[in-house]
Structures are given as structure tokens and as C-alpha cells.
C-alpha atoms as a PDB file:
ATOM      1  CA  MET A   1     100.874 117.250 110.726  1.00  0.00           C
ATOM      2  CA  THR A   2     101.395 114.110 112.770  1.00  0.00           C
ATOM      3  CA  ILE A   3     101.124 110.506 111.647  1.00  0.00           C
ATOM      4  CA  SER A   4      99.586 107.961 114.000  1.00  0.00           C
ATOM      5  CA  TRP A   5     100.450 104.286 114.163  1.00  0.00           C
ATOM      6  CA  LEU A   6      97.098 103.462 112.557  1.00  0.00           C
ATOM      7  CA  GLN A   7      97.740 105.770 109.619  1.00  0.00           C
ATOM      8  CA  ALA A   8     101.253 104.384 109.218  1.00  0.00           C
ATOM      9  CA  SER A   9      99.824 100.847 109.266  1.00  0.00           C
ATOM     10  CA  ILE A  10      97.339 101.662 106.496  1.00  0.00           C
ATOM     11  CA  LEU A  11     100.130 103.127 104.386  1.00  0.00           C
ATOM     12  CA  GLY A  12     102.191 100.000 105.068  1.00  0.00           C
ATOM     13  CA  LEU A  13      99.322  97.847 103.802  1.00  0.00           C
ATOM     14  CA  PHE A  14      99.147  99.835 100.565  1.00  0.00           C
ATOM     15  CA  ALA A  15     102.920  99.475 100.235  1.00  0.00           C
ATOM     16  CA  CYS A  16     102.435  95.696 100.355  1.00  0.00           C
ATOM     17  CA  LEU A  17      99.746  95.843  97.690  1.00  0.00           C
ATOM     18  CA  SER A  18     101.767  98.060  95.350  1.00  0.00           C
ATOM     19  CA  SER A  19     105.171  96.390  95.559  1.00  0.00           C
ATOM     20  CA  LEU A  20     106.463  94.983  92.277  1.00  0.00           C
ATOM     21  CA  PRO A  21     106.449  91.256  93.104  1.00  0.00           C
ATOM     22  CA  GLY A  22     103.061  92.392  94.237  1.00  0.00           C
ATOM     23  CA  MET A  23     100.167  91.065  96.223  1.00  0.00           C
ATOM     24  CA  ALA A  24      97.676  93.090  94.160  1.00  0.00           C
ATOM     25  CA  GLY A  25      99.157  92.015  90.849  1.00  0.00           C
ATOM     26  CA  THR A  26     101.211  93.979  88.387  1.00  0.00           C
ATOM     27  CA  SER A  27      98.410  95.969  86.745  1.00  0.00           C
ATOM     28  CA  ILE A  28      96.453  96.929  89.865  1.00  0.00           C
ATOM     29  CA  GLY A  29      99.345  96.967  92.305  1.00  0.00           C
ATOM     30  CA  ASN A  30     102.575  98.200  90.785  1.00  0.00           C
ATOM     31  CA  TYR A  31     101.205 100.110  87.799  1.00  0.00           C
ATOM     32  CA  THR A  32      98.175 101.657  89.531  1.00  0.00           C
ATOM     33  CA  LEU A  33      98.378 101.806  93.325  1.00  0.00           C
ATOM     34  CA  GLY A  34     102.139 102.162  93.168  1.00  0.00           C
ATOM     35  CA  ARG A  35     102.210 105.209  90.900  1.00  0.00           C
ATOM     36  CA  PRO A  36     102.970 108.404  92.858  1.00  0.00           C
ATOM     37  CA  LEU A  37      99.993 110.091  91.214  1.00  0.00           C
ATOM     38  CA  VAL A  38      97.636 107.488  92.712  1.00  0.00           C
ATOM     39  CA  GLY A  39      99.686 107.081  95.874  1.00  0.00           C
ATOM     40  CA  GLY A  40      99.376 110.808  96.517  1.00  0.00           C
ATOM     41  CA  LEU A  41      95.591 110.497  96.520  1.00  0.00           C
ATOM     42  CA  VAL A  42      95.731 107.521  98.894  1.00  0.00           C
ATOM     43  CA  CYS A  43      98.153 109.303 101.239  1.00  0.00           C
ATOM     44  CA  GLY A  44      96.016 112.435 101.137  1.00  0.00           C
ATOM     45  CA  ILE A  45      92.916 110.473 102.144  1.00  0.00           C
ATOM     46  CA  VAL A  46      94.719 108.610 104.931  1.00  0.00           C
ATOM     47  CA  LEU A  47      96.454 111.695 106.348  1.00  0.00           C
ATOM     48  CA  GLY A  48      93.472 114.013 105.912  1.00  0.00           C
ATOM     49  CA  ASP A  49      94.874 116.456 103.338  1.00  0.00           C
ATOM     50  CA  ILE A  50      93.893 115.305  99.855  1.00  0.00           C
ATOM     51  CA  LYS A  51      95.078 118.462  98.088  1.00  0.00           C
ATOM     52  CA  LEU A  52      98.559 118.307  99.576  1.00  0.00           C
ATOM     53  CA  GLY A  53      98.802 114.573  98.910  1.00  0.00           C
ATOM     54  CA  ILE A  54      97.884 114.944  95.245  1.00  0.00           C
ATOM     55  CA  MET A  55     100.272 117.861  94.734  1.00  0.00           C
ATOM     56  CA  ALA A  56     103.139 115.901  96.295  1.00  0.00           C
ATOM     57  CA  GLY A  57     102.234 112.869  94.192  1.00  0.00           C
ATOM     58  CA  VAL A  58     102.167 114.890  90.975  1.00  0.00           C
ATOM     59  CA  ALA A  59     105.585 116.360  91.747  1.00  0.00           C
ATOM     60  CA  MET A  60     107.109 112.918  92.327  1.00  0.00           C
ATOM     61  CA  GLN A  61     105.353 111.433  89.293  1.00  0.00           C
ATOM     62  CA  LEU A  62     107.276 113.826  87.044  1.00  0.00           C
ATOM     63  CA  VAL A  63     110.571 112.475  88.339  1.00  0.00           C
ATOM     64  CA  TYR A  64     109.598 108.818  87.887  1.00  0.00           C
ATOM     65  CA  ILE A  65     107.382 109.210  84.814  1.00  0.00           C
ATOM     66  CA  ALA A  66     109.694 107.013  82.735  1.00  0.00           C
ATOM     67  CA  LEU A  67     110.381 104.400  85.409  1.00  0.00           C
ATOM     68  CA  VAL A  68     110.398 100.927  83.864  1.00  0.00           C
ATOM     69  CA  THR A  69     111.445  97.612  85.354  1.00  0.00           C
ATOM     70  CA  PRO A  70     112.822  95.389  82.573  1.00  0.00           C
ATOM     71  CA  GLY A  71     113.187  91.866  83.907  1.00  0.00           C
ATOM     72  CA  GLY A  72     114.603  91.972  87.402  1.00  0.00           C
ATOM     73  CA  THR A  73     116.401  95.285  86.963  1.00  0.00           C
ATOM     74  CA  VAL A  74     114.902  97.893  89.280  1.00  0.00           C
ATOM     75  CA  SER A  75     116.409 101.355  89.658  1.00  0.00           C
ATOM     76  CA  ALA A  76     113.776 102.540  92.130  1.00  0.00           C
ATOM     77  CA  ASP A  77     110.739 100.799  93.584  1.00  0.00           C
ATOM     78  CA  VAL A  78     107.511 102.761  93.724  1.00  0.00           C
ATOM     79  CA  ARG A  79     106.364 101.396  97.083  1.00  0.00           C
ATOM     80  CA  ALA A  80     108.914 103.559  98.903  1.00  0.00           C
ATOM     81  CA  ILE A  81     108.352 106.565  96.660  1.00  0.00           C
ATOM     82  CA  SER A  82     104.575 106.562  97.034  1.00  0.00           C
ATOM     83  CA  TYR A  83     104.013 105.386 100.596  1.00  0.00           C
ATOM     84  CA  ILE A  84     107.162 106.558 102.364  1.00  0.00           C
ATOM     85  CA  GLY A  85     108.284 109.549 100.317  1.00  0.00           C
ATOM     86  CA  ILE A  86     104.887 111.211  99.865  1.00  0.00           C
ATOM     87  CA  PRO A  87     103.814 111.074 103.557  1.00  0.00           C
ATOM     88  CA  LEU A  88     107.190 112.405 104.687  1.00  0.00           C
ATOM     89  CA  ALA A  89     107.047 115.108 102.016  1.00  0.00           C
ATOM     90  CA  MET A  90     103.582 116.126 103.220  1.00  0.00           C
ATOM     91  CA  VAL A  91     104.866 116.434 106.789  1.00  0.00           C
ATOM     92  CA  ALA A  92     107.911 118.401 105.637  1.00  0.00           C
ATOM     93  CA  ILE A  93     105.834 120.808 103.542  1.00  0.00           C
ATOM     94  CA  GLN A  94     103.431 121.522 106.379  1.00  0.00           C
ATOM     95  CA  SER A  95     106.188 121.856 108.973  1.00  0.00           C
ATOM     96  CA  GLN A  96     107.944 124.418 106.776  1.00  0.00           C
ATOM     97  CA  GLY A  97     104.705 126.353 106.353  1.00  0.00           C
ATOM     98  CA  LEU A  98     104.730 126.064 102.563  1.00  0.00           C
ATOM     99  CA  SER A  99     101.669 126.303 100.370  1.00  0.00           C
ATOM    100  CA  ALA A 100     100.697 123.040  98.691  1.00  0.00           C
ATOM    101  CA  THR A 101     100.703 124.693  95.258  1.00  0.00           C
ATOM    102  CA  SER A 102     103.970 126.598  95.659  1.00  0.00           C
ATOM    103  CA  VAL A 103     107.121 125.873  93.680  1.00  0.00           C
ATOM    104  CA  ALA A 104     109.076 125.383  96.901  1.00  0.00           C
ATOM    105  CA  ALA A 105     106.649 122.694  98.066  1.00  0.00           C
ATOM    106  CA  SER A 106     106.938 120.901  94.739  1.00  0.00           C
ATOM    107  CA  SER A 107     110.740 121.001  94.828  1.00  0.00           C
ATOM    108  CA  LEU A 108     110.807 119.718  98.394  1.00  0.00           C
ATOM    109  CA  ALA A 109     108.481 116.841  97.481  1.00  0.00           C
ATOM    110  CA  LYS A 110     110.671 115.840  94.528  1.00  0.00           C
ATOM    111  CA  SER A 111     113.761 115.811  96.706  1.00  0.00           C
ATOM    112  CA  MET A 112     112.076 113.675  99.365  1.00  0.00           C
ATOM    113  CA  GLY A 113     110.879 111.205  96.755  1.00  0.00           C
ATOM    114  CA  THR A 114     114.353 110.862  95.281  1.00  0.00           C
ATOM    115  CA  LEU A 115     115.884 110.282  98.702  1.00  0.00           C
ATOM    116  CA  VAL A 116     113.665 107.282  99.439  1.00  0.00           C
ATOM    117  CA  GLY A 117     113.688 105.870  95.902  1.00  0.00           C
ATOM    118  CA  THR A 118     116.885 103.943  96.549  1.00  0.00           C
ATOM    119  CA  ILE A 119     115.388 102.481  99.722  1.00  0.00           C
ATOM    120  CA  GLY A 120     112.671 100.961  97.571  1.00  0.00           C
ATOM    121  CA  THR A 121     115.304  99.157  95.510  1.00  0.00           C
ATOM    122  CA  VAL A 122     116.618  97.442  98.639  1.00  0.00           C
ATOM    123  CA  LEU A 123     113.069  96.484  99.625  1.00  0.00           C
ATOM    124  CA  PHE A 124     112.392  95.057  96.174  1.00  0.00           C
ATOM    125  CA  TYR A 125     115.426  92.791  96.111  1.00  0.00           C
ATOM    126  CA  GLY A 126     114.787  91.743  99.700  1.00  0.00           C
ATOM    127  CA  THR A 127     111.242  90.704  98.795  1.00  0.00           C
ATOM    128  CA  ALA A 128     112.371  88.892  95.649  1.00  0.00           C
ATOM    129  CA  THR A 129     115.134  87.038  97.514  1.00  0.00           C
ATOM    130  CA  LEU A 130     112.845  85.790 100.268  1.00  0.00           C
ATOM    131  CA  ASN A 131     110.259  84.758  97.680  1.00  0.00           C
ATOM    132  CA  LEU A 132     112.830  82.301  96.314  1.00  0.00           C
ATOM    133  CA  VAL A 133     112.376  80.311  99.517  1.00  0.00           C
ATOM    134  CA  TRP A 134     108.654  79.910  98.847  1.00  0.00           C
ATOM    135  CA  GLN A 135     109.397  79.053  95.227  1.00  0.00           C
ATOM    136  CA  HIS A 136     111.723  76.266  96.337  1.00  0.00           C
ATOM    137  CA  MET A 137     109.000  74.954  98.632  1.00  0.00           C
ATOM    138  CA  GLY A 138     106.580  75.010  95.705  1.00  0.00           C
ATOM    139  CA  TRP A 139     108.865  72.951  93.479  1.00  0.00           C
ATOM    140  CA  ARG A 140     109.294  70.430  96.277  1.00  0.00           C
ATOM    141  CA  ASP A 141     105.510  70.121  96.628  1.00  0.00           C
ATOM    142  CA  VAL A 142     105.193  69.589  92.870  1.00  0.00           C
ATOM    143  CA  GLU A 143     107.756  66.798  92.963  1.00  0.00           C
ATOM    144  CA  LYS A 144     105.806  65.119  95.760  1.00  0.00           C
ATOM    145  CA  GLY A 145     102.520  65.577  93.924  1.00  0.00           C
ATOM    146  CA  GLU A 146     101.068  67.720  96.718  1.00  0.00           C
ATOM    147  CA  PHE A 147      99.512  70.288  94.422  1.00  0.00           C
ATOM    148  CA  LYS A 148      97.056  71.650  96.979  1.00  0.00           C
ATOM    149  CA  LYS A 149      99.962  73.119  98.928  1.00  0.00           C
ATOM    150  CA  LEU A 150     100.685  75.415  95.987  1.00  0.00           C
ATOM    151  CA  TYR A 151      97.831  77.647  97.143  1.00  0.00           C
ATOM    152  CA  ALA A 152      99.860  78.492 100.236  1.00  0.00           C
ATOM    153  CA  VAL A 153     102.954  79.062  98.114  1.00  0.00           C
ATOM    154  CA  ASN A 154     101.112  81.479  95.818  1.00  0.00           C
ATOM    155  CA  TRP A 155      98.808  83.250  98.261  1.00  0.00           C
ATOM    156  CA  GLY A 156     100.037  82.601 101.791  1.00  0.00           C
ATOM    157  CA  TRP A 157     103.781  82.502 102.299  1.00  0.00           C
ATOM    158  CA  PRO A 158     104.574  85.583 100.149  1.00  0.00           C
ATOM    159  CA  TRP A 159     102.742  87.718 102.710  1.00  0.00           C
ATOM    160  CA  ILE A 160     105.668  87.061 105.048  1.00  0.00           C
ATOM    161  CA  SER A 161     108.002  88.604 102.465  1.00  0.00           C
ATOM    162  CA  HIS A 162     105.794  91.646 102.090  1.00  0.00           C
ATOM    163  CA  LEU A 163     105.305  92.074 105.817  1.00  0.00           C
ATOM    164  CA  LEU A 164     109.068  92.049 106.377  1.00  0.00           C
ATOM    165  CA  PHE A 165     110.116  94.178 103.396  1.00  0.00           C
ATOM    166  CA  SER A 166     107.064  96.359 102.749  1.00  0.00           C
ATOM    167  CA  PHE A 167     104.792  96.697 105.767  1.00  0.00           C
ATOM    168  CA  VAL A 168     107.353  96.934 108.579  1.00  0.00           C
ATOM    169  CA  PRO A 169     109.792  99.342 106.823  1.00  0.00           C
ATOM    170  CA  THR A 170     106.929 101.608 105.751  1.00  0.00           C
ATOM    171  CA  LEU A 171     105.373 101.543 109.218  1.00  0.00           C
ATOM    172  CA  VAL A 172     108.625 102.420 110.977  1.00  0.00           C
ATOM    173  CA  MET A 173     109.927 104.984 108.489  1.00  0.00           C
ATOM    174  CA  VAL A 174     106.651 106.853 108.150  1.00  0.00           C
ATOM    175  CA  LYS A 175     105.945 106.968 111.880  1.00  0.00           C
ATOM    176  CA  LEU A 176     109.442 107.726 113.144  1.00  0.00           C
ATOM    177  CA  GLY A 177     110.569 109.619 110.060  1.00  0.00           C
ATOM    178  CA  ALA A 178     107.803 112.169 110.516  1.00  0.00           C
ATOM    179  CA  VAL A 179     109.455 113.295 113.755  1.00  0.00           C
ATOM    180  CA  ALA A 180     112.807 113.716 112.020  1.00  0.00           C
ATOM    181  CA  VAL A 181     111.245 115.588 109.123  1.00  0.00           C
ATOM    182  CA  THR A 182     109.475 117.952 111.506  1.00  0.00           C
ATOM    183  CA  ALA A 183     112.806 118.664 113.186  1.00  0.00           C
ATOM    184  CA  MET A 184     114.119 119.954 109.855  1.00  0.00           C
ATOM    185  CA  LYS A 185     112.307 123.207 110.554  1.00  0.00           C
ATOM    186  CA  THR A 186     114.583 123.833 113.542  1.00  0.00           C
ATOM    187  CA  TYR A 187     117.906 122.583 112.230  1.00  0.00           C
ATOM    188  CA  LEU A 188     117.468 123.442 108.535  1.00  0.00           C
ATOM    189  CA  PRO A 189     115.861 126.886 108.169  1.00  0.00           C
ATOM    190  CA  MET A 190     114.288 127.870 104.867  1.00  0.00           C
ATOM    191  CA  ASP A 191     116.890 130.551 104.137  1.00  0.00           C
ATOM    192  CA  GLY A 192     119.821 128.239 104.844  1.00  0.00           C
ATOM    193  CA  ILE A 193     122.151 126.804 102.227  1.00  0.00           C
ATOM    194  CA  PRO A 194     121.060 123.143 102.748  1.00  0.00           C
ATOM    195  CA  MET A 195     117.382 123.898 102.094  1.00  0.00           C
ATOM    196  CA  LYS A 196     118.157 126.156  99.135  1.00  0.00           C
ATOM    197  CA  THR A 197     120.315 123.391  97.686  1.00  0.00           C
ATOM    198  CA  LEU A 198     117.508 120.898  98.248  1.00  0.00           C
ATOM    199  CA  PHE A 199     115.015 123.124  96.445  1.00  0.00           C
ATOM    200  CA  THR A 200     117.401 123.754  93.538  1.00  0.00           C
ATOM    201  CA  VAL A 201     118.115 120.076  93.006  1.00  0.00           C
ATOM    202  CA  GLY A 202     114.434 119.231  93.359  1.00  0.00           C
ATOM    203  CA  SER A 203     113.441 121.712  90.665  1.00  0.00           C
ATOM    204  CA  LEU A 204     115.823 120.029  88.201  1.00  0.00           C
ATOM    205  CA  LEU A 205     114.740 116.442  88.846  1.00  0.00           C
ATOM    206  CA  PRO A 206     111.694 116.478  86.492  1.00  0.00           C
ATOM    207  CA  CYS A 207     114.090 117.166  83.625  1.00  0.00           C
ATOM    208  CA  VAL A 208     115.683 113.784  84.286  1.00  0.00           C
ATOM    209  CA  GLY A 209     112.354 111.964  84.120  1.00  0.00           C
ATOM    210  CA  LEU A 210     111.250 113.747  80.950  1.00  0.00           C
ATOM    211  CA  ALA A 211     114.647 113.190  79.311  1.00  0.00           C
ATOM    212  CA  ILE A 212     114.440 109.449  79.957  1.00  0.00           C
ATOM    213  CA  LEU A 213     110.895 109.398  78.577  1.00  0.00           C
ATOM    214  CA  LEU A 214     111.936 111.239  75.415  1.00  0.00           C
ATOM    215  CA  LYS A 215     114.876 108.906  74.930  1.00  0.00           C
ATOM    216  CA  GLN A 216     112.494 105.958  74.901  1.00  0.00           C
ATOM    217  CA  ILE A 217     109.947 107.251  72.385  1.00  0.00           C
ATOM    218  CA  VAL A 218     111.667 109.876  70.207  1.00  0.00           C
ATOM    219  CA  GLU A 219     113.265 108.388  67.099  1.00  0.00           C
ATOM    220  CA  THR A 220     113.526 111.374  64.752  1.00  0.00           C
ATOM    221  CA  ALA A 221     113.729 115.129  65.191  1.00  0.00           C
ATOM    222  CA  ALA A 222     110.136 115.464  63.978  1.00  0.00           C
ATOM    223  CA  ASP A 223     108.953 113.482  67.009  1.00  0.00           C
ATOM    224  CA  PHE A 224     109.808 116.470  69.193  1.00  0.00           C
ATOM    225  CA  VAL A 225     107.090 118.585  67.569  1.00  0.00           C
ATOM    226  CA  PRO A 226     104.122 117.131  69.532  1.00  0.00           C
ATOM    227  CA  PHE A 227     105.992 117.698  72.791  1.00  0.00           C
ATOM    228  CA  PHE A 228     106.781 121.290  71.889  1.00  0.00           C
ATOM    229  CA  VAL A 229     103.126 121.859  71.005  1.00  0.00           C
ATOM    230  CA  GLY A 230     102.067 120.534  74.405  1.00  0.00           C
ATOM    231  CA  PHE A 231     104.481 122.772  76.297  1.00  0.00           C
ATOM    232  CA  THR A 232     103.392 125.741  74.174  1.00  0.00           C
ATOM    233  CA  LEU A 233      99.728 125.137  74.965  1.00  0.00           C
ATOM    234  CA  SER A 234     100.524 124.957  78.655  1.00  0.00           C
ATOM    235  CA  ALA A 235     102.826 127.982  78.785  1.00  0.00           C
ATOM    236  CA  SER A 236     101.069 130.335  76.357  1.00  0.00           C
ATOM    237  CA  LEU A 237      97.397 129.462  76.816  1.00  0.00           C
ATOM    238  CA  SER A 238      97.648 128.299  80.447  1.00  0.00           C
ATOM    239  CA  LEU A 239      95.817 125.084  79.617  1.00  0.00           C
ATOM    240  CA  ASN A 240      95.803 122.314  82.185  1.00  0.00           C
ATOM    241  CA  LEU A 241      96.762 118.713  81.508  1.00  0.00           C
ATOM    242  CA  VAL A 242      93.222 117.578  80.681  1.00  0.00           C
ATOM    243  CA  SER A 243      92.648 120.363  78.148  1.00  0.00           C
ATOM    244  CA  SER A 244      95.998 119.704  76.480  1.00  0.00           C
ATOM    245  CA  ALA A 245      95.177 115.991  76.294  1.00  0.00           C
ATOM    246  CA  VAL A 246      91.855 116.707  74.569  1.00  0.00           C
ATOM    247  CA  ILE A 247      93.569 118.932  72.001  1.00  0.00           C
ATOM    248  CA  SER A 248      96.209 116.253  71.460  1.00  0.00           C
ATOM    249  CA  LEU A 249      93.451 113.881  70.332  1.00  0.00           C
ATOM    250  CA  ILE A 250      93.059 116.033  67.214  1.00  0.00           C
ATOM    251  CA  PHE A 251      96.725 115.587  66.336  1.00  0.00           C
ATOM    252  CA  ALA A 252      96.522 111.879  67.118  1.00  0.00           C
ATOM    253  CA  LEU A 253      93.596 111.538  64.707  1.00  0.00           C
ATOM    254  CA  LEU A 254      95.477 113.454  62.003  1.00  0.00           C
ATOM    255  CA  PHE A 255      98.598 111.311  62.393  1.00  0.00           C
ATOM    256  CA  TYR A 256      96.483 108.165  62.291  1.00  0.00           C
ATOM    257  CA  SER A 257      94.685 109.285  59.127  1.00  0.00           C
ATOM    258  CA  LEU A 258      97.983 110.135  57.426  1.00  0.00           C
ATOM    259  CA  GLU A 259      99.500 106.769  58.290  1.00  0.00           C
ATOM    260  CA  MET A 260      96.426 104.967  57.023  1.00  0.00           C
ATOM    261  CA  ALA A 261      96.543 106.995  53.803  1.00  0.00           C
ATOM    262  CA  LYS A 262     100.187 106.077  53.262  1.00  0.00           C
ATOM    263  CA  GLY A 263      99.460 102.404  53.759  1.00  0.00           C
ATOM    264  CA  SER A 264      96.456 102.267  51.467  1.00  0.00           C
ATOM    265  CA  LYS A 265      96.874 101.452  47.780  1.00  0.00           C
ATOM    266  CA  THR A 266      94.644 102.335  44.837  1.00  0.00           C
ATOM    267  CA  VAL A 267      92.930  99.194  43.557  1.00  0.00           C
ATOM    268  CA  LEU A 268      91.823  99.225  39.913  1.00  0.00           C
ATOM    269  CA  PRO A 269      88.372  97.836  39.125  1.00  0.00           C
ATOM    270  CA  ALA A 270      88.436  94.228  37.985  1.00  0.00           C
ATOM    271  CA  GLY A 271      88.337  93.968  34.214  1.00  0.00           C
ATOM    272  CA  GLY A 272      88.485  97.734  33.761  1.00  0.00           C
ATOM    273  CA  PRO A 273      91.486  97.988  31.442  1.00  0.00           C
ATOM    274  CA  THR A 274      90.507  94.756  29.676  1.00  0.00           C
ATOM    275  CA  SER A 275      87.053  95.988  28.752  1.00  0.00           C
ATOM    276  CA  GLY A 276      88.496  99.250  27.521  1.00  0.00           C
ATOM    277  CA  SER A 277      91.025  97.533  25.276  1.00  0.00           C
ATOM    278  CA  GLY A 278      88.321  95.241  23.962  1.00  0.00           C
ATOM    279  CA  SER A 279      86.107  98.111  22.874  1.00  0.00           C
ATOM    280  CA  SER A 280      89.083  99.768  21.218  1.00  0.00           C
ATOM    281  CA  SER A 281      89.821  96.644  19.180  1.00  0.00           C
ATOM    282  CA  ASP A 282      86.168  96.422  18.137  1.00  0.00           C
ATOM    283  CA  ASP A 283      86.320  99.983  16.851  1.00  0.00           C
ATOM    284  CA  ASP A 284      89.422  99.129  14.855  1.00  0.00           C
ATOM    285  CA  ASP A 285      87.661  96.124  13.325  1.00  0.00           C
ATOM    286  CA  GLU A 286      84.705  98.257  12.339  1.00  0.00           C
ATOM    287  CA  GLU A 287      86.998 100.768  10.686  1.00  0.00           C
ATOM    288  CA  ASP A 288      88.725  97.995   8.734  1.00  0.00           C
ATOM    289  CA  ILE A 289      85.397  96.786   7.442  1.00  0.00           C
END
């Protein structure tokens, strides 16, 4: 597989759209286009191998499934993972002659994604730092009362930041990195220690992502039960993700009904006990008579 300058340019454009201080917004850009699962589809369409792109994206999504960006703290930026890591992983998998659905291909993709994840952090802070220049220009325009210039501050000047720290790095790394990745076949054979180490580390990386996810949402030991049920369905019944998700809706409905039942209180009818006591007193009066 080779990557042309045009294909690298398209991937660079998507990297601009999906970066966190993003041109496509947070919801559409960072949390949709930037996810490796979606980025794998985009890379597969651009590079002409949708199946391989999706499989590489799924593998990397497991590693970064719990990636959050609280405030300005970014451990890894998805633009590099999705639009630099996935294309290079696709080239590496094909150059090594691996099947897209093989365990070795998945491990190699995870390792490639982790390698470029730190690069994305540098790109993020570079973009955010240069954006401070445009922000300063915006405040100066506000002080002068030139509010129409704010359109350029919001929609024009930031493109320079993204071109320098998203488009250009993605273009260069994807185009030139593909040659280096292809050379791995010659200098790093499949049966060599470096490649075996890469595959071993890559197979363990999803555990890190799942562990971080569990740490965020598990509060008691009982919270592990739904996760164990999901893994059991997948391992024992060979159900795919969609089937397991449909079955999980049943448990979600049960948990919801139980919580609603706990929160509800029995309301006595108005005047019920009063009317009963009144009739009792009337009976007593009749007996006295």
C-alpha cells in the first residue's frame, strides 16, 4: 500500500477538523471524527481498504476508550492517533502480509497508535499556544469596538494554527512515514525479537484502556457484574458487540425499574384512615345507645 500526496492531504484536512481546539467543534470534530473508530472508516475510504481501516480503528479505540481531556490536560490527542497512526498501521499491516482480522494485525495497530499518541499531545499544545495570539487580537478588537473583526478571530486566523500543527504534520508524517513503515519488513522481520516484543506489548494495551474506564465508572464490587456478563456473552456465545448491546438493554431496563421502585413511596388515599375511624366511633355510639 502506498499513500499519495493527495491522500495524505485529505487525511491532514480531517486531522484539522478533529483536533481538540477544533475547527469542526467539540461534538462533531473531537468526539466524532477524532475517535479512532470513526477515523478508521475515514482512513479506509481514503486509502481504498475500508475493512483494514475499520479493524485498525477498532484496535486503537480499545486503547483510548477512556481518553478524556479535563480542562487543558491532554494525555494524547486523537488527531494523531486517528489520522497518523491508523494510516501508518494500515501500511505496516499490509507490508507485513498480515490478515486484517488477525491478532497480529490488531497488536501491530495498537502499538502504532500508542507510538503516535504522544505526538498528538505536542500538536495539541502547539495549536492552543498559537491560538492565544488570535485571542489577544480579539481582545484588542473588543477594546477598540471593532466587533466585526471578531469573525476573523473566530473563523479565520485559527486555520493558521491548524494548518501548522495539524495539516502539515499529518501530511508529512503520513506520506514520508509510509516509506519508513514499509522498510520495517526488511529490517524488522516477523520472527525477530523487536516485532515479537511489539506484538506482545500491543496485545496488553487494551487492558490499560479498559482499566481506566472501569476506574471511572465502577464504585462498588457489584458494578463489575454487568461487565462480566458482557465478556461472558462474547466469549461463551460468540456474540458480537451489537448483539451484546441489545441484550444489555434488558439489564438496563431492569436496573431502571428497580431504582424507580426504590424511589417510589406508597401514598395513602386522602381521608382513608379518617373515614375509617369515624365509622368506628359511630358504631361505638350506637352500641352505647
